[in-house]
Amino acid sequence: MSRLIIASNNAHKLSEIEAVLQTQAIDLPVLGLKDLPQQPEVVEDGDSFLANARKKALTIASLYPTDYVLADDSGLVIPALNGEPGVYSARYAGDHDDAANNKKVLTKLQDVQGAQRAAYFTTVMVLVGPNRPELVTQGRVDGFITQHPHGQNGFGYDPIFWLADANATMAEISASQKNAISHRGRALAELVQALPAWLKE
């Protein structure tokens, strides 16, 4: 039986994706990279979120050709910083360090006020499988960068990403609220909606 491999070792990301898939009748065993005997290191050197997600999906699929592979690439885009951190979101401050990344963003925006602090999170998902065309979905959520971190939930840039509708940062809302409105949640909802027809192709 084919499996659905989530091409990530990020525990937070895996739990977000699994939570959404469990609410749908997805009749496939779901695995993360940590569950596989071969875990290739994929260098995310693409110049777009789509390029990085596609590279991850195809690299894993080449090792597990009878399985479905779902890969995503996500990031924070701040127009006032010419789109930074963008595809470099995970290692914006050098290492994969959420606190350092947040500090770098806040430092770069210290003289930027009001509407100029607008930002958005985006996710591109690529699903590949045996004898199927790739399925690509995208999600986006708009917000603003705060002056200081707030909240203990979530990960990444969540503590500095303000959601006007929620009157809170992404790190101050519950996991279920986040899954319903987040960029990854939206991309995944679109993917889940398209999945039954895609599996029949």
N, C-alpha and C. Protein backbone atom coordinates (compact mmCIF):
# COMPACT_ATOMS: atom_id res chain seq x y z
N MET A 1 0.85 -1.20 0.00
CA MET A 1 0.00 0.00 0.00
C MET A 1 0.88 1.24 0.00
N SER A 2 0.50 2.21 -0.82
CA SER A 2 1.25 3.46 -0.86
C SER A 2 1.10 4.21 0.45
N ARG A 3 2.12 5.00 0.75
CA ARG A 3 2.11 5.83 1.96
C ARG A 3 2.20 7.29 1.54
N LEU A 4 1.84 8.17 2.46
CA LEU A 4 2.04 9.60 2.23
C LEU A 4 3.21 10.05 3.08
N ILE A 5 4.29 10.43 2.42
CA ILE A 5 5.49 10.87 3.12
C ILE A 5 5.50 12.40 3.16
N ILE A 6 5.58 12.94 4.36
CA ILE A 6 5.74 14.39 4.52
C ILE A 6 7.23 14.67 4.53
N ALA A 7 7.71 15.40 3.55
CA ALA A 7 9.15 15.60 3.37
C ALA A 7 9.69 16.65 4.33
N SER A 8 9.65 16.31 5.63
CA SER A 8 10.13 17.25 6.64
C SER A 8 10.53 16.50 7.90
N ASN A 9 11.50 17.07 8.60
CA ASN A 9 11.85 16.59 9.94
C ASN A 9 11.40 17.58 11.01
N ASN A 10 10.74 18.65 10.58
CA ASN A 10 10.28 19.69 11.49
C ASN A 10 9.03 19.18 12.23
N ALA A 11 9.19 18.89 13.52
CA ALA A 11 8.11 18.29 14.30
C ALA A 11 6.87 19.18 14.34
N HIS A 12 7.08 20.50 14.43
CA HIS A 12 5.94 21.44 14.47
C HIS A 12 5.16 21.38 13.16
N LYS A 13 5.89 21.39 12.06
CA LYS A 13 5.26 21.36 10.73
C LYS A 13 4.51 20.03 10.53
N LEU A 14 5.14 18.92 10.94
CA LEU A 14 4.51 17.61 10.80
C LEU A 14 3.20 17.54 11.57
N SER A 15 3.21 18.04 12.80
CA SER A 15 2.00 17.96 13.62
C SER A 15 0.89 18.83 13.03
N GLU A 16 1.25 20.00 12.47
CA GLU A 16 0.26 20.86 11.82
C GLU A 16 -0.39 20.15 10.64
N ILE A 17 0.44 19.55 9.79
CA ILE A 17 -0.07 18.87 8.59
C ILE A 17 -0.89 17.64 8.97
N GLU A 18 -0.38 16.84 9.91
CA GLU A 18 -1.09 15.62 10.32
C GLU A 18 -2.45 15.96 10.93
N ALA A 19 -2.51 17.05 11.70
CA ALA A 19 -3.77 17.44 12.33
C ALA A 19 -4.84 17.74 11.29
N VAL A 20 -4.45 18.43 10.22
CA VAL A 20 -5.41 18.75 9.17
C VAL A 20 -5.80 17.49 8.39
N LEU A 21 -4.83 16.65 8.07
CA LEU A 21 -5.12 15.42 7.32
C LEU A 21 -6.05 14.49 8.10
N GLN A 22 -5.89 14.47 9.43
CA GLN A 22 -6.71 13.58 10.25
C GLN A 22 -8.18 14.01 10.26
N THR A 23 -8.43 15.29 10.01
CA THR A 23 -9.83 15.75 9.99
C THR A 23 -10.50 15.39 8.67
N GLN A 24 -9.71 14.99 7.69
CA GLN A 24 -10.25 14.56 6.39
C GLN A 24 -10.11 13.04 6.31
N ALA A 25 -10.87 12.44 5.43
CA ALA A 25 -10.82 10.98 5.32
C ALA A 25 -9.69 10.58 4.36
N ILE A 26 -8.46 10.89 4.74
CA ILE A 26 -7.31 10.54 3.91
C ILE A 26 -6.87 9.13 4.30
N ASP A 27 -7.15 8.17 3.44
CA ASP A 27 -6.89 6.77 3.76
C ASP A 27 -5.49 6.35 3.32
N LEU A 28 -4.49 7.04 3.86
CA LEU A 28 -3.09 6.72 3.58
C LEU A 28 -2.30 6.81 4.87
N PRO A 29 -1.41 5.85 5.14
CA PRO A 29 -0.53 5.99 6.29
C PRO A 29 0.37 7.21 6.08
N VAL A 30 0.50 8.05 7.11
CA VAL A 30 1.30 9.27 7.00
C VAL A 30 2.61 9.09 7.75
N LEU A 31 3.72 9.37 7.07
CA LEU A 31 5.05 9.25 7.67
C LEU A 31 5.81 10.56 7.49
N GLY A 32 6.72 10.82 8.43
CA GLY A 32 7.67 11.91 8.28
C GLY A 32 9.00 11.34 7.84
N LEU A 33 9.95 12.20 7.52
CA LEU A 33 11.27 11.71 7.09
C LEU A 33 11.93 10.85 8.15
N LYS A 34 11.68 11.18 9.42
CA LYS A 34 12.32 10.44 10.51
C LYS A 34 11.88 8.97 10.54
N ASP A 35 10.76 8.66 9.90
CA ASP A 35 10.25 7.29 9.87
C ASP A 35 10.85 6.45 8.74
N LEU A 36 11.69 7.06 7.93
CA LEU A 36 12.23 6.37 6.75
C LEU A 36 13.67 5.92 6.96
N PRO A 37 14.06 4.79 6.34
CA PRO A 37 15.44 4.32 6.48
C PRO A 37 16.44 5.23 5.77
N GLN A 38 16.03 5.82 4.65
CA GLN A 38 16.90 6.74 3.92
C GLN A 38 16.36 8.15 4.04
N GLN A 39 17.20 9.06 4.54
CA GLN A 39 16.78 10.44 4.72
C GLN A 39 17.79 11.37 4.05
N PRO A 40 17.63 11.63 2.78
CA PRO A 40 18.60 12.48 2.09
C PRO A 40 18.54 13.92 2.60
N GLU A 41 19.68 14.55 2.63
CA GLU A 41 19.75 15.97 2.99
C GLU A 41 19.49 16.77 1.71
N VAL A 42 18.40 17.49 1.69
CA VAL A 42 18.06 18.27 0.50
C VAL A 42 18.48 19.72 0.74
N VAL A 43 19.37 20.22 -0.08
CA VAL A 43 19.82 21.61 0.04
C VAL A 43 18.78 22.50 -0.64
N GLU A 44 18.16 23.35 0.16
CA GLU A 44 17.11 24.24 -0.38
C GLU A 44 17.78 25.48 -0.97
N ASP A 45 18.23 25.35 -2.21
CA ASP A 45 18.97 26.43 -2.86
C ASP A 45 18.19 27.07 -4.00
N GLY A 46 16.89 26.80 -4.05
CA GLY A 46 16.06 27.38 -5.10
C GLY A 46 15.84 28.87 -4.87
N ASP A 47 15.45 29.56 -5.94
CA ASP A 47 15.22 31.00 -5.82
C ASP A 47 13.74 31.33 -5.59
N SER A 48 12.94 30.30 -5.32
CA SER A 48 11.53 30.51 -5.02
C SER A 48 11.05 29.41 -4.09
N PHE A 49 9.92 29.66 -3.42
CA PHE A 49 9.34 28.64 -2.54
C PHE A 49 8.95 27.41 -3.36
N LEU A 50 8.41 27.63 -4.56
CA LEU A 50 8.01 26.51 -5.42
C LEU A 50 9.22 25.65 -5.80
N ALA A 51 10.32 26.28 -6.16
CA ALA A 51 11.52 25.53 -6.56
C ALA A 51 12.02 24.66 -5.42
N ASN A 52 12.02 25.20 -4.20
CA ASN A 52 12.49 24.43 -3.05
C ASN A 52 11.55 23.28 -2.71
N ALA A 53 10.25 23.54 -2.74
CA ALA A 53 9.27 22.48 -2.43
C ALA A 53 9.35 21.37 -3.47
N ARG A 54 9.44 21.75 -4.74
CA ARG A 54 9.52 20.77 -5.82
C ARG A 54 10.78 19.91 -5.68
N LYS A 55 11.90 20.53 -5.37
CA LYS A 55 13.16 19.80 -5.23
C LYS A 55 13.07 18.77 -4.11
N LYS A 56 12.49 19.18 -2.97
CA LYS A 56 12.33 18.24 -1.85
C LYS A 56 11.44 17.07 -2.24
N ALA A 57 10.31 17.37 -2.86
CA ALA A 57 9.35 16.32 -3.23
C ALA A 57 9.97 15.32 -4.20
N LEU A 58 10.63 15.82 -5.23
CA LEU A 58 11.19 14.94 -6.25
C LEU A 58 12.38 14.14 -5.74
N THR A 59 13.17 14.73 -4.84
CA THR A 59 14.31 14.01 -4.27
C THR A 59 13.84 12.82 -3.45
N ILE A 60 12.85 13.03 -2.59
CA ILE A 60 12.32 11.94 -1.76
C ILE A 60 11.61 10.91 -2.63
N ALA A 61 10.84 11.39 -3.60
CA ALA A 61 10.09 10.48 -4.47
C ALA A 61 11.01 9.57 -5.28
N SER A 62 12.21 10.05 -5.59
CA SER A 62 13.15 9.21 -6.35
C SER A 62 13.61 8.01 -5.53
N LEU A 63 13.58 8.13 -4.20
CA LEU A 63 13.97 7.03 -3.31
C LEU A 63 12.78 6.13 -2.97
N TYR A 64 11.58 6.68 -3.01
CA TYR A 64 10.37 5.94 -2.64
C TYR A 64 9.33 6.09 -3.76
N PRO A 65 9.59 5.48 -4.91
CA PRO A 65 8.76 5.73 -6.10
C PRO A 65 7.32 5.20 -6.03
N THR A 66 7.02 4.33 -5.07
CA THR A 66 5.65 3.83 -4.97
C THR A 66 4.81 4.62 -3.97
N ASP A 67 5.42 5.60 -3.33
CA ASP A 67 4.72 6.40 -2.33
C ASP A 67 4.37 7.79 -2.87
N TYR A 68 3.48 8.45 -2.15
CA TYR A 68 3.17 9.85 -2.41
C TYR A 68 4.07 10.69 -1.51
N VAL A 69 4.55 11.80 -2.03
CA VAL A 69 5.44 12.67 -1.24
C VAL A 69 4.89 14.09 -1.27
N LEU A 70 4.71 14.65 -0.08
CA LEU A 70 4.24 16.02 0.06
C LEU A 70 5.37 16.86 0.65
N ALA A 71 5.76 17.88 -0.07
CA ALA A 71 6.81 18.79 0.41
C ALA A 71 6.27 20.20 0.37
N ASP A 72 6.77 21.02 1.28
CA ASP A 72 6.37 22.42 1.24
C ASP A 72 7.58 23.30 1.51
N ASP A 73 7.47 24.52 1.09
CA ASP A 73 8.44 25.52 1.51
C ASP A 73 7.63 26.74 1.91
N SER A 74 8.00 27.29 3.04
CA SER A 74 7.25 28.40 3.61
C SER A 74 8.21 29.50 4.00
N GLY A 75 7.67 30.68 4.12
CA GLY A 75 8.53 31.76 4.58
C GLY A 75 7.75 33.01 4.88
N LEU A 76 8.46 33.95 5.47
CA LEU A 76 7.93 35.26 5.80
C LEU A 76 8.43 36.25 4.75
N VAL A 77 7.53 37.04 4.22
CA VAL A 77 7.89 38.04 3.21
C VAL A 77 7.51 39.42 3.74
N ILE A 78 8.50 40.32 3.78
CA ILE A 78 8.28 41.68 4.27
C ILE A 78 8.62 42.65 3.13
N PRO A 79 7.59 43.23 2.50
CA PRO A 79 7.85 44.13 1.38
C PRO A 79 8.81 45.27 1.71
N ALA A 80 8.73 45.83 2.93
CA ALA A 80 9.62 46.94 3.31
C ALA A 80 11.08 46.52 3.33
N LEU A 81 11.34 45.22 3.41
CA LEU A 81 12.71 44.70 3.39
C LEU A 81 13.00 44.04 2.03
N ASN A 82 12.32 44.52 1.01
CA ASN A 82 12.51 43.97 -0.35
C ASN A 82 12.24 42.47 -0.42
N GLY A 83 11.25 42.03 0.36
CA GLY A 83 10.86 40.62 0.31
C GLY A 83 11.59 39.71 1.28
N GLU A 84 12.56 40.27 2.02
CA GLU A 84 13.25 39.44 3.01
C GLU A 84 12.29 39.10 4.14
N PRO A 85 12.58 38.01 4.88
CA PRO A 85 13.61 37.00 4.66
C PRO A 85 13.32 36.03 3.52
N GLY A 86 12.07 35.92 3.07
CA GLY A 86 11.76 35.13 1.88
C GLY A 86 12.22 33.69 1.96
N VAL A 87 12.88 33.21 0.90
CA VAL A 87 13.31 31.81 0.87
C VAL A 87 14.41 31.52 1.89
N TYR A 88 14.95 32.57 2.51
CA TYR A 88 15.99 32.38 3.53
C TYR A 88 15.41 32.44 4.94
N SER A 89 14.10 32.35 5.08
CA SER A 89 13.44 32.53 6.37
C SER A 89 14.00 31.66 7.48
N ALA A 90 14.23 30.37 7.21
CA ALA A 90 14.67 29.44 8.26
C ALA A 90 16.04 29.79 8.81
N ARG A 91 16.92 30.31 7.96
CA ARG A 91 18.29 30.59 8.39
C ARG A 91 18.66 32.06 8.16
N TYR A 92 17.72 32.92 8.39
CA TYR A 92 17.90 34.35 8.11
C TYR A 92 19.07 34.94 8.89
N ALA A 93 19.23 34.50 10.13
CA ALA A 93 20.30 35.03 10.98
C ALA A 93 21.55 34.15 10.94
N GLY A 94 21.60 33.22 10.02
CA GLY A 94 22.78 32.35 9.89
C GLY A 94 22.46 30.91 10.20
N ASP A 95 22.10 30.62 11.44
CA ASP A 95 21.73 29.27 11.84
C ASP A 95 20.22 29.16 11.91
N HIS A 96 19.75 27.91 12.05
CA HIS A 96 18.31 27.70 12.20
C HIS A 96 17.96 28.03 13.66
N ASP A 97 17.73 29.31 13.93
CA ASP A 97 17.54 29.79 15.29
C ASP A 97 16.38 30.79 15.28
N ASP A 98 15.22 30.36 15.79
CA ASP A 98 14.03 31.21 15.74
C ASP A 98 14.24 32.56 16.42
N ALA A 99 14.81 32.54 17.63
CA ALA A 99 14.99 33.79 18.38
C ALA A 99 15.91 34.75 17.64
N ALA A 100 16.99 34.23 17.08
CA ALA A 100 17.94 35.08 16.34
C ALA A 100 17.29 35.63 15.07
N ASN A 101 16.51 34.81 14.39
CA ASN A 101 15.81 35.26 13.18
C ASN A 101 14.84 36.39 13.51
N ASN A 102 14.07 36.21 14.59
CA ASN A 102 13.11 37.24 15.00
C ASN A 102 13.82 38.53 15.36
N LYS A 103 14.93 38.41 16.07
CA LYS A 103 15.69 39.59 16.48
C LYS A 103 16.21 40.34 15.26
N LYS A 104 16.68 39.61 14.26
CA LYS A 104 17.19 40.25 13.04
C LYS A 104 16.09 41.03 12.32
N VAL A 105 14.90 40.44 12.22
CA VAL A 105 13.78 41.13 11.58
C VAL A 105 13.43 42.40 12.35
N LEU A 106 13.31 42.29 13.68
CA LEU A 106 12.94 43.45 14.49
C LEU A 106 13.99 44.55 14.40
N THR A 107 15.26 44.16 14.37
CA THR A 107 16.35 45.14 14.24
C THR A 107 16.27 45.86 12.90
N LYS A 108 16.04 45.11 11.84
CA LYS A 108 15.97 45.72 10.50
C LYS A 108 14.76 46.64 10.35
N LEU A 109 13.71 46.39 11.14
CA LEU A 109 12.49 47.19 11.04
C LEU A 109 12.38 48.25 12.14
N GLN A 110 13.46 48.46 12.90
CA GLN A 110 13.34 49.34 14.07
C GLN A 110 12.95 50.78 13.72
N ASP A 111 13.27 51.24 12.51
CA ASP A 111 12.91 52.60 12.10
C ASP A 111 11.70 52.62 11.17
N VAL A 112 11.04 51.49 11.03
CA VAL A 112 9.88 51.37 10.14
C VAL A 112 8.61 51.34 10.99
N GLN A 113 7.63 52.15 10.62
CA GLN A 113 6.43 52.27 11.45
C GLN A 113 5.15 51.95 10.67
N GLY A 114 4.09 51.69 11.43
CA GLY A 114 2.74 51.58 10.89
C GLY A 114 2.57 50.57 9.77
N ALA A 115 1.88 51.02 8.71
CA ALA A 115 1.52 50.14 7.60
C ALA A 115 2.75 49.59 6.87
N GLN A 116 3.88 50.27 7.03
CA GLN A 116 5.11 49.79 6.38
C GLN A 116 5.63 48.51 7.01
N ARG A 117 5.07 48.13 8.17
CA ARG A 117 5.48 46.88 8.82
C ARG A 117 4.63 45.69 8.34
N ALA A 118 3.87 45.90 7.28
CA ALA A 118 3.05 44.82 6.71
C ALA A 118 3.94 43.67 6.26
N ALA A 119 3.41 42.46 6.41
CA ALA A 119 4.16 41.25 6.04
C ALA A 119 3.16 40.15 5.73
N TYR A 120 3.65 39.10 5.12
CA TYR A 120 2.79 37.93 4.94
C TYR A 120 3.61 36.65 5.00
N PHE A 121 2.95 35.62 5.50
CA PHE A 121 3.50 34.27 5.46
C PHE A 121 2.96 33.60 4.20
N THR A 122 3.79 32.83 3.53
CA THR A 122 3.31 32.08 2.38
C THR A 122 3.85 30.66 2.43
N THR A 123 3.07 29.74 1.91
CA THR A 123 3.46 28.33 1.80
C THR A 123 3.14 27.85 0.39
N VAL A 124 4.07 27.13 -0.20
CA VAL A 124 3.80 26.42 -1.45
C VAL A 124 3.96 24.94 -1.17
N MET A 125 2.95 24.15 -1.52
CA MET A 125 3.01 22.70 -1.33
C MET A 125 3.05 22.00 -2.68
N VAL A 126 3.88 20.97 -2.75
CA VAL A 126 3.98 20.16 -3.97
C VAL A 126 3.77 18.70 -3.57
N LEU A 127 2.79 18.06 -4.19
CA LEU A 127 2.52 16.64 -3.95
C LEU A 127 2.83 15.87 -5.23
N VAL A 128 3.66 14.85 -5.11
CA VAL A 128 3.98 14.00 -6.26
C VAL A 128 3.65 12.56 -5.90
N GLY A 129 3.39 11.76 -6.91
CA GLY A 129 3.06 10.37 -6.68
C GLY A 129 3.25 9.57 -7.95
N PRO A 130 3.19 8.24 -7.82
CA PRO A 130 3.40 7.37 -8.98
C PRO A 130 2.38 7.63 -10.08
N ASN A 131 2.89 7.90 -11.27
CA ASN A 131 2.04 8.11 -12.45
C ASN A 131 0.99 9.20 -12.27
N ARG A 132 1.39 10.27 -11.58
CA ARG A 132 0.49 11.40 -11.36
C ARG A 132 1.21 12.69 -11.75
N PRO A 133 0.48 13.67 -12.27
CA PRO A 133 1.09 14.99 -12.44
C PRO A 133 1.28 15.61 -11.05
N GLU A 134 2.23 16.51 -10.91
CA GLU A 134 2.40 17.12 -9.59
C GLU A 134 1.21 18.01 -9.28
N LEU A 135 0.87 18.06 -8.01
CA LEU A 135 -0.23 18.91 -7.53
C LEU A 135 0.40 20.02 -6.71
N VAL A 136 0.15 21.26 -7.10
CA VAL A 136 0.75 22.42 -6.42
C VAL A 136 -0.36 23.28 -5.83
N THR A 137 -0.23 23.63 -4.55
CA THR A 137 -1.16 24.55 -3.92
C THR A 137 -0.37 25.61 -3.16
N GLN A 138 -1.05 26.72 -2.87
CA GLN A 138 -0.39 27.83 -2.19
C GLN A 138 -1.33 28.44 -1.17
N GLY A 139 -0.77 28.90 -0.06
CA GLY A 139 -1.55 29.58 0.95
C GLY A 139 -0.83 30.83 1.42
N ARG A 140 -1.60 31.80 1.86
CA ARG A 140 -1.00 33.07 2.31
C ARG A 140 -1.84 33.64 3.43
N VAL A 141 -1.18 34.25 4.40
CA VAL A 141 -1.88 34.99 5.44
C VAL A 141 -1.15 36.31 5.66
N ASP A 142 -1.93 37.38 5.70
CA ASP A 142 -1.36 38.72 5.83
C ASP A 142 -1.40 39.20 7.27
N GLY A 143 -0.42 40.01 7.62
CA GLY A 143 -0.36 40.56 8.96
C GLY A 143 0.65 41.69 9.04
N PHE A 144 1.11 41.94 10.26
CA PHE A 144 2.09 43.00 10.51
C PHE A 144 3.15 42.48 11.46
N ILE A 145 4.33 43.06 11.39
CA ILE A 145 5.40 42.69 12.32
C ILE A 145 5.29 43.57 13.56
N THR A 146 5.26 42.94 14.72
CA THR A 146 5.14 43.66 15.98
C THR A 146 6.47 44.34 16.34
N GLN A 147 6.44 45.13 17.40
CA GLN A 147 7.68 45.77 17.89
C GLN A 147 8.47 44.80 18.77
N HIS A 148 7.75 43.87 19.41
CA HIS A 148 8.38 42.92 20.33
C HIS A 148 7.67 41.57 20.19
N PRO A 149 8.36 40.46 20.52
CA PRO A 149 7.71 39.14 20.48
C PRO A 149 6.60 39.02 21.53
N HIS A 150 5.53 38.32 21.19
CA HIS A 150 4.43 38.06 22.12
C HIS A 150 3.92 36.65 21.91
N GLY A 151 3.70 35.91 23.01
CA GLY A 151 3.09 34.58 22.91
C GLY A 151 4.10 33.45 22.99
N GLN A 152 3.61 32.30 23.44
CA GLN A 152 4.45 31.12 23.65
C GLN A 152 4.13 29.98 22.70
N ASN A 153 3.06 30.10 21.92
CA ASN A 153 2.68 29.00 21.03
C ASN A 153 3.41 29.13 19.69
N GLY A 154 3.23 28.13 18.85
CA GLY A 154 3.78 28.19 17.51
C GLY A 154 5.29 28.09 17.48
N PHE A 155 5.86 28.57 16.39
CA PHE A 155 7.31 28.49 16.20
C PHE A 155 7.70 29.49 15.13
N GLY A 156 8.98 29.58 14.84
CA GLY A 156 9.45 30.48 13.79
C GLY A 156 9.16 31.94 14.12
N TYR A 157 8.56 32.62 13.16
CA TYR A 157 8.28 34.05 13.30
C TYR A 157 6.92 34.32 13.95
N ASP A 158 6.23 33.28 14.41
CA ASP A 158 4.89 33.44 14.98
C ASP A 158 4.82 34.52 16.07
N PRO A 159 5.82 34.62 16.99
CA PRO A 159 5.69 35.61 18.07
C PRO A 159 5.75 37.07 17.61
N ILE A 160 6.21 37.33 16.39
CA ILE A 160 6.30 38.73 15.93
C ILE A 160 5.34 39.01 14.77
N PHE A 161 4.46 38.05 14.48
CA PHE A 161 3.53 38.21 13.35
C PHE A 161 2.13 38.49 13.89
N TRP A 162 1.68 39.72 13.73
CA TRP A 162 0.40 40.18 14.28
C TRP A 162 -0.73 39.95 13.28
N LEU A 163 -1.80 39.31 13.78
CA LEU A 163 -3.00 39.07 12.98
C LEU A 163 -4.07 40.05 13.42
N ALA A 164 -4.43 41.00 12.56
CA ALA A 164 -5.39 42.02 12.95
C ALA A 164 -6.75 41.42 13.30
N ASP A 165 -7.21 40.44 12.53
CA ASP A 165 -8.53 39.84 12.78
C ASP A 165 -8.60 39.14 14.13
N ALA A 166 -7.48 38.56 14.55
CA ALA A 166 -7.45 37.84 15.83
C ALA A 166 -7.05 38.75 16.98
N ASN A 167 -6.55 39.95 16.65
CA ASN A 167 -6.03 40.88 17.66
C ASN A 167 -4.99 40.20 18.54
N ALA A 168 -4.12 39.43 17.89
CA ALA A 168 -3.10 38.65 18.59
C ALA A 168 -2.01 38.26 17.61
N THR A 169 -0.87 37.85 18.16
CA THR A 169 0.16 37.31 17.27
C THR A 169 -0.16 35.85 16.97
N MET A 170 0.52 35.31 15.99
CA MET A 170 0.33 33.91 15.62
C MET A 170 0.72 33.00 16.79
N ALA A 171 1.59 33.49 17.68
CA ALA A 171 2.03 32.69 18.83
C ALA A 171 1.09 32.80 20.02
N GLU A 172 0.05 33.64 19.90
CA GLU A 172 -0.90 33.81 21.00
C GLU A 172 -2.22 33.09 20.75
N ILE A 173 -2.38 32.49 19.57
CA ILE A 173 -3.62 31.77 19.29
C ILE A 173 -3.38 30.27 19.44
N SER A 174 -4.46 29.51 19.55
CA SER A 174 -4.33 28.07 19.74
C SER A 174 -3.90 27.38 18.45
N ALA A 175 -3.43 26.16 18.59
CA ALA A 175 -3.00 25.39 17.42
C ALA A 175 -4.15 25.18 16.44
N SER A 176 -5.35 24.93 16.95
CA SER A 176 -6.50 24.70 16.06
C SER A 176 -6.88 25.99 15.33
N GLN A 177 -6.80 27.14 16.03
CA GLN A 177 -7.07 28.42 15.37
C GLN A 177 -6.04 28.67 14.27
N LYS A 178 -4.79 28.38 14.60
CA LYS A 178 -3.71 28.61 13.64
C LYS A 178 -3.90 27.74 12.41
N ASN A 179 -4.22 26.47 12.61
CA ASN A 179 -4.41 25.56 11.47
C ASN A 179 -5.53 26.03 10.55
N ALA A 180 -6.53 26.69 11.14
CA ALA A 180 -7.68 27.14 10.35
C ALA A 180 -7.35 28.36 9.49
N ILE A 181 -6.41 29.19 9.94
CA ILE A 181 -6.17 30.45 9.22
C ILE A 181 -4.76 30.61 8.67
N SER A 182 -3.85 29.74 9.06
CA SER A 182 -2.45 29.94 8.67
C SER A 182 -2.22 29.69 7.18
N HIS A 183 -1.10 30.17 6.69
CA HIS A 183 -0.69 29.96 5.31
C HIS A 183 -0.60 28.47 5.00
N ARG A 184 -0.01 27.69 5.92
CA ARG A 184 0.12 26.25 5.71
C ARG A 184 -1.25 25.59 5.76
N GLY A 185 -2.10 26.03 6.69
CA GLY A 185 -3.45 25.49 6.79
C GLY A 185 -4.25 25.73 5.52
N ARG A 186 -4.08 26.93 4.94
CA ARG A 186 -4.82 27.27 3.72
C ARG A 186 -4.32 26.46 2.52
N ALA A 187 -3.00 26.33 2.41
CA ALA A 187 -2.44 25.54 1.30
C ALA A 187 -2.86 24.08 1.43
N LEU A 188 -2.89 23.59 2.67
CA LEU A 188 -3.26 22.20 2.91
C LEU A 188 -4.75 21.97 2.65
N ALA A 189 -5.58 22.94 3.03
CA ALA A 189 -7.02 22.82 2.78
C ALA A 189 -7.30 22.74 1.28
N GLU A 190 -6.58 23.56 0.52
CA GLU A 190 -6.73 23.52 -0.95
C GLU A 190 -6.27 22.18 -1.50
N LEU A 191 -5.17 21.66 -0.93
CA LEU A 191 -4.64 20.38 -1.38
C LEU A 191 -5.60 19.24 -1.06
N VAL A 192 -6.13 19.25 0.16
CA VAL A 192 -7.06 18.19 0.58
C VAL A 192 -8.32 18.20 -0.30
N GLN A 193 -8.75 19.40 -0.68
CA GLN A 193 -9.93 19.52 -1.54
C GLN A 193 -9.67 18.92 -2.92
N ALA A 194 -8.44 19.10 -3.42
CA ALA A 194 -8.09 18.61 -4.76
C ALA A 194 -7.66 17.14 -4.76
N LEU A 195 -7.36 16.60 -3.58
CA LEU A 195 -6.76 15.28 -3.48
C LEU A 195 -7.61 14.14 -4.03
N PRO A 196 -8.91 14.04 -3.71
CA PRO A 196 -9.69 12.89 -4.21
C PRO A 196 -9.65 12.78 -5.74
N ALA A 197 -9.83 13.91 -6.43
CA ALA A 197 -9.81 13.87 -7.90
C ALA A 197 -8.41 13.55 -8.41
N TRP A 198 -7.39 14.08 -7.73
CA TRP A 198 -6.00 13.84 -8.14
C TRP A 198 -5.64 12.36 -8.01
N LEU A 199 -6.09 11.73 -6.93
CA LEU A 199 -5.79 10.32 -6.70
C LEU A 199 -6.46 9.42 -7.75
N LYS A 200 -7.55 9.91 -8.35
CA LYS A 200 -8.26 9.12 -9.36
C LYS A 200 -7.67 9.29 -10.75
N GLU A 201 -6.79 10.29 -10.92
CA GLU A 201 -6.23 10.55 -12.26
C GLU A 201 -5.40 9.38 -12.77
